[in-house]
Amino acid sequence: MEEVLAQTAKELGIGVGEIAEDSVLKQLPGADSVRLLRVVAQIERVYDVEFEDEAIFDVGTPRQLTDLVLAQARAEA
């Protein structure tokens, strides 16, 4: 979870303390579709996973993104 929060904060140019596990990603300061896709791309690189496009569109919070990372890592193992 911490890495997801850190990568999100870094890409959006905000402090990690401004993001909670259940924050709505689209409502965070500086969030737009391009930046959020960059967050996802960075998370894919960090965790060496690749998400299906459809799965990404269902992600609305850092918690959901973390759950997606864990599920994908298990599926690829």
Protein backbone atom coordinates (compact mmCIF):
# COMPACT_ATOMS: atom_id res chain seq x y z
CA MET A 1 0.00 0.00 0.00
CA GLU A 2 2.77 2.44 0.91
CA GLU A 3 4.37 2.14 -2.53
CA VAL A 4 1.05 2.78 -4.27
CA LEU A 5 0.48 5.86 -2.13
CA ALA A 6 4.05 7.07 -2.72
CA GLN A 7 3.89 6.63 -6.50
CA THR A 8 0.49 8.33 -6.65
CA ALA A 9 1.68 11.28 -4.59
CA LYS A 10 4.87 11.61 -6.63
CA GLU A 11 3.05 11.64 -9.97
CA LEU A 12 0.41 14.10 -8.77
CA GLY A 13 2.94 16.35 -7.07
CA ILE A 14 1.31 16.14 -3.66
CA GLY A 15 2.34 14.87 -0.25
CA VAL A 16 1.71 11.27 0.71
CA GLY A 17 -0.21 12.59 3.71
CA GLU A 18 -2.80 14.05 1.35
CA ILE A 19 -3.82 10.58 0.17
CA ALA A 20 -5.74 8.00 2.16
CA GLU A 21 -6.25 4.36 1.24
CA ASP A 22 -9.84 5.11 0.30
CA SER A 23 -9.29 8.48 -1.40
CA VAL A 24 -11.04 8.77 -4.75
CA LEU A 25 -8.15 8.96 -7.19
CA LYS A 26 -9.98 11.21 -9.67
CA GLN A 27 -10.68 13.73 -6.91
CA LEU A 28 -7.09 14.13 -5.70
CA PRO A 29 -5.35 17.46 -6.33
CA GLY A 30 -3.62 17.42 -9.72
CA ALA A 31 -5.36 14.24 -10.86
CA ASP A 32 -6.33 13.84 -14.48
CA SER A 33 -6.60 10.81 -16.74
CA VAL A 34 -3.05 11.12 -18.10
CA ARG A 35 -1.45 11.40 -14.68
CA LEU A 36 -3.47 8.51 -13.31
CA LEU A 37 -2.41 6.34 -16.25
CA ARG A 38 1.19 7.28 -15.45
CA VAL A 39 0.63 6.14 -11.88
CA VAL A 40 -0.64 2.80 -13.15
CA ALA A 41 2.29 2.46 -15.57
CA GLN A 42 4.77 3.16 -12.78
CA ILE A 43 3.08 0.65 -10.48
CA GLU A 44 3.28 -1.95 -13.27
CA ARG A 45 7.03 -1.33 -13.58
CA VAL A 46 7.68 -1.36 -9.82
CA TYR A 47 5.80 -4.62 -9.26
CA ASP A 48 6.61 -6.19 -12.66
CA VAL A 49 2.95 -6.82 -13.48
CA GLU A 50 0.73 -5.92 -16.41
CA PHE A 51 -2.92 -5.02 -15.98
CA GLU A 52 -5.75 -5.61 -18.41
CA ASP A 53 -7.15 -2.28 -19.58
CA GLU A 54 -10.63 -3.19 -18.36
CA ALA A 55 -9.33 -3.84 -14.85
CA ILE A 56 -7.73 -0.41 -14.63
CA PHE A 57 -11.02 1.36 -15.32
CA ASP A 58 -12.58 -0.30 -12.27
CA VAL A 59 -9.91 1.11 -9.94
CA GLY A 60 -11.07 4.16 -8.01
CA THR A 61 -8.94 4.21 -4.85
CA PRO A 62 -5.38 3.40 -3.78
CA ARG A 63 -6.76 0.41 -1.87
CA GLN A 64 -8.35 -0.95 -5.05
CA LEU A 65 -5.12 -0.40 -6.98
CA THR A 66 -3.18 -2.27 -4.30
CA ASP A 67 -5.71 -5.13 -4.44
CA LEU A 68 -5.30 -5.24 -8.22
CA VAL A 69 -1.50 -5.41 -7.88
CA LEU A 70 -1.75 -8.29 -5.42
CA ALA A 71 -4.27 -10.19 -7.55
CA GLN A 72 -2.20 -9.72 -10.71
CA ALA A 73 1.02 -10.76 -8.99
CA ARG A 74 -0.66 -13.97 -7.81
CA ALA A 75 -2.06 -14.65 -11.27
CA GLU A 76 1.34 -14.18 -12.90
CA ALA A 77 3.21 -16.30 -10.34
